[in-house]
Structures are given as structure tokens and as C-alpha cells.
């Protein structure tokens, strides 16, 4: 391998390294968004299917404040509707 080929190889590896550094945060963001979406979906579906009003529990007549997860999910849904 002569000097020109070695310089070409080093340059190519440098460019690929920069590409990886630029793409890596986007991949982490996608993985994080999918995890959050899955957690929100489980939070919405889980309690309604697993728990029901049992004999020992009393329902509250006062209104409840929506949780942060509900607020976040509604915000994401509205953004998806706007973007599509």
C-alpha cells in the first residue's frame, strides 16, 4: 500500500467517523421516542384492562387532574395530526 492509498484510507475513515457522529444522536432520539411511545401506550391500556372497580375501592366524585403522561401523549397526537 503506497502513501496515496494510505491517505485515501485515512480520509475515508475520517469522513465515516464524522458521519457516525452526526447520525448517532438522531438514532438515540428515535430509540428514545419509541420507548416513550411504548410506555405511554402501556400506561393508557394497562390500567383499564387489568384493574376494574373492585369491592374494596371507592370511586372519587371529585375531578382529577390529567397526568403528565396524558398531557404529553395528547400533545404528541396533535403534532402528528398537524404534520400529516
PDB file of N, CA and C in Angstrom:
ATOM      1  N   UNK A   1       0.863  -1.167   0.000  1.00  0.00           N
ATOM      2  CA  UNK A   1       0.000   0.000   0.000  1.00  0.00           C
ATOM      3  C   UNK A   1       0.916   1.238   0.000  1.00  0.00           C
ATOM      4  N   UNK A   2       0.724   2.081  -0.978  1.00  0.00           N
ATOM      5  CA  UNK A   2       1.595   3.255  -1.058  1.00  0.00           C
ATOM      6  C   UNK A   2       0.993   4.436  -0.280  1.00  0.00           C
ATOM      7  N   UNK A   3       1.669   5.544  -0.273  1.00  0.00           N
ATOM      8  CA  UNK A   3       1.277   6.704   0.530  1.00  0.00           C
ATOM      9  C   UNK A   3      -0.063   7.275   0.087  1.00  0.00           C
ATOM     10  N   UNK A   4      -0.311   7.321  -1.195  1.00  0.00           N
ATOM     11  CA  UNK A   4      -1.577   7.873  -1.708  1.00  0.00           C
ATOM     12  C   UNK A   4      -2.764   7.036  -1.249  1.00  0.00           C
ATOM     13  N   UNK A   5      -2.626   5.737  -1.330  1.00  0.00           N
ATOM     14  CA  UNK A   5      -3.705   4.854  -0.887  1.00  0.00           C
ATOM     15  C   UNK A   5      -3.933   4.976   0.616  1.00  0.00           C
ATOM     16  N   UNK A   6      -2.853   5.094   1.362  1.00  0.00           N
ATOM     17  CA  UNK A   6      -2.972   5.228   2.811  1.00  0.00           C
ATOM     18  C   UNK A   6      -3.678   6.540   3.183  1.00  0.00           C
ATOM     19  N   UNK A   7      -3.332   7.621   2.494  1.00  0.00           N
ATOM     20  CA  UNK A   7      -4.008   8.900   2.748  1.00  0.00           C
ATOM     21  C   UNK A   7      -5.490   8.816   2.388  1.00  0.00           C
ATOM     22  N   UNK A   8      -5.796   8.123   1.300  1.00  0.00           N
ATOM     23  CA  UNK A   8      -7.200   7.936   0.906  1.00  0.00           C
ATOM     24  C   UNK A   8      -7.966   7.144   1.944  1.00  0.00           C
ATOM     25  N   UNK A   9      -7.339   6.095   2.475  1.00  0.00           N
ATOM     26  CA  UNK A   9      -7.977   5.271   3.503  1.00  0.00           C
ATOM     27  C   UNK A   9      -8.218   6.074   4.778  1.00  0.00           C
ATOM     28  N   UNK A  10      -7.224   6.843   5.190  1.00  0.00           N
ATOM     29  CA  UNK A  10      -7.366   7.670   6.399  1.00  0.00           C
ATOM     30  C   UNK A  10      -8.473   8.707   6.195  1.00  0.00           C
ATOM     31  N   UNK A  11      -8.513   9.338   5.027  1.00  0.00           N
ATOM     32  CA  UNK A  11      -9.559  10.312   4.732  1.00  0.00           C
ATOM     33  C   UNK A  11     -10.940   9.697   4.746  1.00  0.00           C
ATOM     34  N   UNK A  12     -11.063   8.503   4.153  1.00  0.00           N
ATOM     35  CA  UNK A  12     -12.355   7.822   4.123  1.00  0.00           C
ATOM     36  C   UNK A  12     -12.807   7.450   5.534  1.00  0.00           C
ATOM     37  N   UNK A  13     -11.896   6.942   6.350  1.00  0.00           N
ATOM     38  CA  UNK A  13     -12.247   6.600   7.729  1.00  0.00           C
ATOM     39  C   UNK A  13     -12.637   7.838   8.530  1.00  0.00           C
ATOM     40  N   UNK A  14     -11.969   8.947   8.280  1.00  0.00           N
ATOM     41  CA  UNK A  14     -12.293  10.202   8.956  1.00  0.00           C
ATOM     42  C   UNK A  14     -13.708  10.662   8.588  1.00  0.00           C
ATOM     43  N   UNK A  15     -14.043  10.609   7.309  1.00  0.00           N
ATOM     44  CA  UNK A  15     -15.383  11.009   6.850  1.00  0.00           C
ATOM     45  C   UNK A  15     -16.445  10.070   7.432  1.00  0.00           C
ATOM     46  N   UNK A  16     -16.180   8.774   7.438  1.00  0.00           N
ATOM     47  CA  UNK A  16     -17.139   7.828   8.017  1.00  0.00           C
ATOM     48  C   UNK A  16     -17.316   8.068   9.520  1.00  0.00           C
ATOM     49  N   UNK A  17     -16.223   8.406  10.209  1.00  0.00           N
ATOM     50  CA  UNK A  17     -16.318   8.716  11.636  1.00  0.00           C
ATOM     51  C   UNK A  17     -17.178   9.942  11.890  1.00  0.00           C
ATOM     52  N   UNK A  18     -17.006  10.968  11.074  1.00  0.00           N
ATOM     53  CA  UNK A  18     -17.839  12.176  11.217  1.00  0.00           C
ATOM     54  C   UNK A  18     -19.303  11.841  10.927  1.00  0.00           C
ATOM     55  N   UNK A  19     -19.553  11.023   9.901  1.00  0.00           N
ATOM     56  CA  UNK A  19     -20.921  10.613   9.578  1.00  0.00           C
ATOM     57  C   UNK A  19     -21.572   9.889  10.751  1.00  0.00           C
ATOM     58  N   UNK A  20     -20.838   8.994  11.385  1.00  0.00           N
ATOM     59  CA  UNK A  20     -21.357   8.266  12.546  1.00  0.00           C
ATOM     60  C   UNK A  20     -21.672   9.242  13.679  1.00  0.00           C
ATOM     61  N   UNK A  21     -20.783  10.199  13.920  1.00  0.00           N
ATOM     62  CA  UNK A  21     -21.022  11.177  14.983  1.00  0.00           C
ATOM     63  C   UNK A  21     -22.248  12.042  14.704  1.00  0.00           C
ATOM     64  N   UNK A  22     -22.540  12.301  13.439  1.00  0.00           N
ATOM     65  CA  UNK A  22     -23.713  13.105  13.097  1.00  0.00           C
ATOM     66  C   UNK A  22     -25.004  12.293  13.173  1.00  0.00           C
ATOM     67  N   UNK A  23     -24.946  11.026  12.838  1.00  0.00           N
ATOM     68  CA  UNK A  23     -26.145  10.190  12.794  1.00  0.00           C
ATOM     69  C   UNK A  23     -26.499   9.625  14.168  1.00  0.00           C
ATOM     70  N   UNK A  24     -25.516   9.408  15.008  1.00  0.00           N
ATOM     71  CA  UNK A  24     -25.735   8.768  16.305  1.00  0.00           C
ATOM     72  C   UNK A  24     -26.765   9.486  17.185  1.00  0.00           C
ATOM     73  N   UNK A  25     -26.739  10.803  17.353  1.00  0.00           N
ATOM     74  CA  UNK A  25     -27.765  11.453  18.179  1.00  0.00           C
ATOM     75  C   UNK A  25     -29.185  11.268  17.632  1.00  0.00           C
ATOM     76  N   UNK A  26     -29.314  11.252  16.308  1.00  0.00           N
ATOM     77  CA  UNK A  26     -30.633  11.033  15.716  1.00  0.00           C
ATOM     78  C   UNK A  26     -31.144   9.629  16.027  1.00  0.00           C
ATOM     79  N   UNK A  27     -30.265   8.654  15.962  1.00  0.00           N
ATOM     80  CA  UNK A  27     -30.658   7.272  16.270  1.00  0.00           C
ATOM     81  C   UNK A  27     -31.063   7.162  17.740  1.00  0.00           C
ATOM     82  N   UNK A  28     -30.296   7.774  18.630  1.00  0.00           N
ATOM     83  CA  UNK A  28     -30.671   7.756  20.053  1.00  0.00           C
ATOM     84  C   UNK A  28     -32.029   8.424  20.269  1.00  0.00           C
ATOM     85  N   UNK A  29     -32.299   9.503  19.571  1.00  0.00           N
ATOM     86  CA  UNK A  29     -33.583  10.185  19.692  1.00  0.00           C
ATOM     87  C   UNK A  29     -34.738   9.323  19.227  1.00  0.00           C
ATOM     88  N   UNK A  30     -34.547   8.632  18.116  1.00  0.00           N
ATOM     89  CA  UNK A  30     -35.596   7.744  17.598  1.00  0.00           C
ATOM     90  C   UNK A  30     -35.875   6.626  18.585  1.00  0.00           C
ATOM     91  N   UNK A  31     -34.820   6.026  19.120  1.00  0.00           N
ATOM     92  CA  UNK A  31     -34.988   4.936  20.093  1.00  0.00           C
ATOM     93  C   UNK A  31     -35.707   5.450  21.335  1.00  0.00           C
ATOM     94  N   UNK A  32     -35.348   6.633  21.801  1.00  0.00           N
ATOM     95  CA  UNK A  32     -35.985   7.207  22.986  1.00  0.00           C
ATOM     96  C   UNK A  32     -37.464   7.507  22.722  1.00  0.00           C
ATOM     97  N   UNK A  33     -37.786   8.071  21.560  1.00  0.00           N
ATOM     98  CA  UNK A  33     -39.183   8.357  21.226  1.00  0.00           C
ATOM     99  C   UNK A  33     -40.009   7.091  21.161  1.00  0.00           C
ATOM    100  N   UNK A  34     -39.453   6.032  20.585  1.00  0.00           N
ATOM    101  CA  UNK A  34     -40.194   4.775  20.517  1.00  0.00           C
ATOM    102  C   UNK A  34     -40.438   4.201  21.913  1.00  0.00           C
ATOM    103  N   UNK A  35     -39.427   4.333  22.793  1.00  0.00           N
ATOM    104  CA  UNK A  35     -39.585   3.838  24.166  1.00  0.00           C
ATOM    105  C   UNK A  35     -40.664   4.631  24.898  1.00  0.00           C
ATOM    106  N   UNK A  36     -40.661   5.950  24.733  1.00  0.00           N
ATOM    107  CA  UNK A  36     -41.661   6.790  25.382  1.00  0.00           C
ATOM    108  C   UNK A  36     -43.048   6.476  24.840  1.00  0.00           C
ATOM    109  N   UNK A  37     -43.178   6.317  23.517  1.00  0.00           N
ATOM    110  CA  UNK A  37     -44.469   5.968  22.924  1.00  0.00           C
ATOM    111  C   UNK A  37     -44.976   4.636  23.460  1.00  0.00           C
ATOM    112  N   UNK A  38     -44.071   3.657  23.581  1.00  0.00           N
ATOM    113  CA  UNK A  38     -44.475   2.345  24.112  1.00  0.00           C
ATOM    114  C   UNK A  38     -44.930   2.459  25.561  1.00  0.00           C
ATOM    115  N   UNK A  39     -44.214   3.254  26.355  1.00  0.00           N
ATOM    116  CA  UNK A  39     -44.598   3.430  27.750  1.00  0.00           C
ATOM    117  C   UNK A  39     -45.943   4.136  27.865  1.00  0.00           C
ATOM    118  N   UNK A  40     -46.182   5.122  27.021  1.00  0.00           N
ATOM    119  CA  UNK A  40     -47.460   5.820  27.045  1.00  0.00           C
ATOM    120  C   UNK A  40     -48.594   4.895  26.632  1.00  0.00           C
ATOM    121  N   UNK A  41     -48.353   4.082  25.603  1.00  0.00           N
ATOM    122  CA  UNK A  41     -49.371   3.142  25.146  1.00  0.00           C
ATOM    123  C   UNK A  41     -49.692   2.128  26.250  1.00  0.00           C
ATOM    124  N   UNK A  42     -48.658   1.634  26.934  1.00  0.00           N
ATOM    125  CA  UNK A  42     -48.881   0.696  28.032  1.00  0.00           C
ATOM    126  C   UNK A  42     -49.604   1.368  29.193  1.00  0.00           C
ATOM    127  N   UNK A  43     -49.280   2.625  29.449  1.00  0.00           N
ATOM    128  CA  UNK A  43     -49.936   3.343  30.542  1.00  0.00           C
ATOM    129  C   UNK A  43     -51.407   3.582  30.238  1.00  0.00           C
ATOM    130  N   UNK A  44     -51.730   3.810  28.970  1.00  0.00           N
ATOM    131  CA  UNK A  44     -53.133   4.016  28.607  1.00  0.00           C
ATOM    132  C   UNK A  44     -53.921   2.718  28.643  1.00  0.00           C
ATOM    133  N   UNK A  45     -53.337   1.637  28.155  1.00  0.00           N
ATOM    134  CA  UNK A  45     -54.060   0.382  28.030  1.00  0.00           C
ATOM    135  C   UNK A  45     -54.014  -0.463  29.291  1.00  0.00           C
ATOM    136  N   UNK A  46     -52.901  -0.439  29.995  1.00  0.00           N
ATOM    137  CA  UNK A  46     -52.702  -1.335  31.129  1.00  0.00           C
ATOM    138  C   UNK A  46     -53.729  -1.220  32.235  1.00  0.00           C
ATOM    139  N   UNK A  47     -53.893  -0.053  32.863  1.00  0.00           N
ATOM    140  CA  UNK A  47     -54.819   0.037  33.989  1.00  0.00           C
ATOM    141  C   UNK A  47     -56.264  -0.241  33.608  1.00  0.00           C
ATOM    142  N   UNK A  48     -56.692   0.120  32.422  1.00  0.00           N
ATOM    143  CA  UNK A  48     -58.084  -0.086  32.023  1.00  0.00           C
ATOM    144  C   UNK A  48     -58.374  -1.572  31.848  1.00  0.00           C
ATOM    145  N   UNK A  49     -57.416  -2.348  31.391  1.00  0.00           N
ATOM    146  CA  UNK A  49     -57.646  -3.766  31.168  1.00  0.00           C
ATOM    147  C   UNK A  49     -57.401  -4.596  32.423  1.00  0.00           C
ATOM    148  N   UNK A  50     -56.396  -4.238  33.200  1.00  0.00           N
ATOM    149  CA  UNK A  50     -56.029  -5.064  34.349  1.00  0.00           C
ATOM    150  C   UNK A  50     -56.882  -4.770  35.580  1.00  0.00           C
ATOM    151  N   UNK A  51     -57.178  -3.502  35.803  1.00  0.00           N
ATOM    152  CA  UNK A  51     -57.887  -3.140  37.015  1.00  0.00           C
ATOM    153  C   UNK A  51     -59.289  -2.672  36.688  1.00  0.00           C
ATOM    154  N   UNK A  52     -60.196  -3.036  37.497  1.00  0.00           N
ATOM    155  CA  UNK A  52     -61.547  -2.534  37.412  1.00  0.00           C
ATOM    156  C   UNK A  52     -61.968  -2.142  38.814  1.00  0.00           C
ATOM    157  N   UNK A  53     -63.112  -1.515  38.962  1.00  0.00           N
ATOM    158  CA  UNK A  53     -63.540  -1.174  40.323  1.00  0.00           C
ATOM    159  C   UNK A  53     -63.840  -2.444  41.116  1.00  0.00           C
ATOM    160  N   UNK A  54     -63.087  -2.668  42.159  1.00  0.00           N
ATOM    161  CA  UNK A  54     -63.315  -3.843  42.993  1.00  0.00           C
ATOM    162  C   UNK A  54     -64.192  -3.458  44.181  1.00  0.00           C
ATOM    163  N   UNK A  55     -64.552  -4.430  44.974  1.00  0.00           N
ATOM    164  CA  UNK A  55     -65.457  -4.183  46.083  1.00  0.00           C
ATOM    165  C   UNK A  55     -64.855  -3.278  47.147  1.00  0.00           C
ATOM    166  N   UNK A  56     -63.542  -3.362  47.329  1.00  0.00           N
ATOM    167  CA  UNK A  56     -62.893  -2.587  48.370  1.00  0.00           C
ATOM    168  C   UNK A  56     -62.587  -1.151  47.977  1.00  0.00           C
ATOM    169  N   UNK A  57     -62.659  -0.828  46.707  1.00  0.00           N
ATOM    170  CA  UNK A  57     -62.305   0.511  46.260  1.00  0.00           C
ATOM    171  C   UNK A  57     -63.544   1.380  46.107  1.00  0.00           C
ATOM    172  N   UNK A  58     -63.397   2.631  46.485  1.00  0.00           N
ATOM    173  CA  UNK A  58     -64.481   3.588  46.309  1.00  0.00           C
ATOM    174  C   UNK A  58     -64.076   4.570  45.229  1.00  0.00           C
ATOM    175  N   UNK A  59     -65.023   4.929  44.393  1.00  0.00           N
ATOM    176  CA  UNK A  59     -64.697   5.902  43.353  1.00  0.00           C
ATOM    177  C   UNK A  59     -64.821   7.301  43.929  1.00  0.00           C
ATOM    178  N   UNK A  60     -63.986   8.167  43.467  1.00  0.00           N
ATOM    179  CA  UNK A  60     -63.982   9.540  43.943  1.00  0.00           C
ATOM    180  C   UNK A  60     -64.913  10.378  43.087  1.00  0.00           C
ATOM    181  N   UNK A  61     -65.654  11.276  43.707  1.00  0.00           N
ATOM    182  CA  UNK A  61     -66.565  12.118  42.939  1.00  0.00           C
ATOM    183  C   UNK A  61     -65.886  13.389  42.453  1.00  0.00           C
ATOM    184  N   UNK A  62     -64.703  13.709  42.997  1.00  0.00           N
ATOM    185  CA  UNK A  62     -64.035  14.924  42.553  1.00  0.00           C
ATOM    186  C   UNK A  62     -63.280  14.665  41.260  1.00  0.00           C
ATOM    187  N   UNK A  63     -63.138  15.708  40.447  1.00  0.00           N
ATOM    188  CA  UNK A  63     -62.441  15.555  39.176  1.00  0.00           C
ATOM    189  C   UNK A  63     -60.945  15.436  39.431  1.00  0.00           C
ATOM    190  N   UNK A  64     -60.302  14.735  38.542  1.00  0.00           N
ATOM    191  CA  UNK A  64     -58.861  14.543  38.685  1.00  0.00           C
ATOM    192  C   UNK A  64     -58.135  15.356  37.632  1.00  0.00           C
ATOM    193  N   UNK A  65     -56.922  15.727  37.950  1.00  0.00           N
ATOM    194  CA  UNK A  65     -56.078  16.464  37.019  1.00  0.00           C
ATOM    195  C   UNK A  65     -55.374  15.448  36.137  1.00  0.00           C
ATOM    196  N   UNK A  66     -55.335  15.674  34.807  1.00  0.00           N
ATOM    197  CA  UNK A  66     -54.654  14.696  33.958  1.00  0.00           C
ATOM    198  C   UNK A  66     -53.167  14.610  34.285  1.00  0.00           C
ATOM    199  N   UNK A  67     -52.636  13.426  34.151  1.00  0.00           N
ATOM    200  CA  UNK A  67     -51.224  13.219  34.473  1.00  0.00           C
ATOM    201  C   UNK A  67     -50.340  13.832  33.399  1.00  0.00           C
ATOM    202  N   UNK A  68     -49.063  13.930  33.706  1.00  0.00           N
ATOM    203  CA  UNK A  68     -48.105  14.466  32.743  1.00  0.00           C
ATOM    204  C   UNK A  68     -48.036  13.572  31.513  1.00  0.00           C
ATOM    205  N   UNK A  69     -48.139  12.254  31.702  1.00  0.00           N
ATOM    206  CA  UNK A  69     -48.092  11.338  30.562  1.00  0.00           C
ATOM    207  C   UNK A  69     -49.270  11.575  29.625  1.00  0.00           C
ATOM    208  N   UNK A  70     -50.455  11.819  30.190  1.00  0.00           N
ATOM    209  CA  UNK A  70     -51.628  12.092  29.363  1.00  0.00           C
ATOM    210  C   UNK A  70     -51.441  13.390  28.604  1.00  0.00           C
ATOM    211  N   UNK A  71     -50.950  14.397  29.274  1.00  0.00           N
ATOM    212  CA  UNK A  71     -50.735  15.687  28.630  1.00  0.00           C
ATOM    213  C   UNK A  71     -49.708  15.555  27.507  1.00  0.00           C
ATOM    214  N   UNK A  72     -48.645  14.811  27.750  1.00  0.00           N
ATOM    215  CA  UNK A  72     -47.603  14.617  26.750  1.00  0.00           C
ATOM    216  C   UNK A  72     -48.147  13.850  25.547  1.00  0.00           C
ATOM    217  N   UNK A  73     -48.936  12.797  25.812  1.00  0.00           N
ATOM    218  CA  UNK A  73     -49.489  11.992  24.725  1.00  0.00           C
ATOM    219  C   UNK A  73     -50.436  12.819  23.866  1.00  0.00           C
ATOM    220  N   UNK A  74     -51.266  13.645  24.476  1.00  0.00           N
ATOM    221  CA  UNK A  74     -52.189  14.477  23.708  1.00  0.00           C
ATOM    222  C   UNK A  74     -51.422  15.493  22.875  1.00  0.00           C
ATOM    223  N   UNK A  75     -50.342  16.039  23.417  1.00  0.00           N
ATOM    224  CA  UNK A  75     -49.519  16.972  22.660  1.00  0.00           C
ATOM    225  C   UNK A  75     -48.875  16.310  21.465  1.00  0.00           C
ATOM    226  N   UNK A  76     -48.395  15.074  21.638  1.00  0.00           N
ATOM    227  CA  UNK A  76     -47.769  14.355  20.521  1.00  0.00           C
ATOM    228  C   UNK A  76     -48.805  14.008  19.466  1.00  0.00           C
ATOM    229  N   UNK A  77     -50.024  13.628  19.881  1.00  0.00           N
ATOM    230  CA  UNK A  77     -51.059  13.313  18.903  1.00  0.00           C
ATOM    231  C   UNK A  77     -51.409  14.542  18.078  1.00  0.00           C
ATOM    232  N   UNK A  78     -51.540  15.686  18.730  1.00  0.00           N
ATOM    233  CA  UNK A  78     -51.903  16.888  17.992  1.00  0.00           C
ATOM    234  C   UNK A  78     -50.786  17.283  17.029  1.00  0.00           C
ATOM    235  N   UNK A  79     -49.520  17.076  17.404  1.00  0.00           N
ATOM    236  CA  UNK A  79     -48.425  17.374  16.496  1.00  0.00           C
ATOM    237  C   UNK A  79     -48.439  16.422  15.302  1.00  0.00           C
ATOM    238  N   UNK A  80     -48.774  15.149  15.544  1.00  0.00           N
ATOM    239  CA  UNK A  80     -48.813  14.200  14.445  1.00  0.00           C
ATOM    240  C   UNK A  80     -49.939  14.561  13.470  1.00  0.00           C
ATOM    241  N   UNK A  81     -51.077  15.021  13.985  1.00  0.00           N
ATOM    242  CA  UNK A  81     -52.179  15.392  13.107  1.00  0.00           C
ATOM    243  C   UNK A  81     -51.809  16.619  12.272  1.00  0.00           C
ATOM    244  N   UNK A  82     -51.118  17.555  12.873  1.00  0.00           N
ATOM    245  CA  UNK A  82     -50.740  18.757  12.145  1.00  0.00           C
ATOM    246  C   UNK A  82     -49.721  18.446  11.068  1.00  0.00           C
ATOM    247  N   UNK A  83     -48.763  17.577  11.372  1.00  0.00           N
ATOM    248  CA  UNK A  83     -47.677  17.307  10.428  1.00  0.00           C
ATOM    249  C   UNK A  83     -48.132  16.424   9.269  1.00  0.00           C
ATOM    250  N   UNK A  84     -49.193  15.672   9.429  1.00  0.00           N
ATOM    251  CA  UNK A  84     -49.603  14.767   8.328  1.00  0.00           C
ATOM    252  C   UNK A  84     -50.597  15.384   7.404  1.00  0.00           C
TER     253      UNK A  84
END
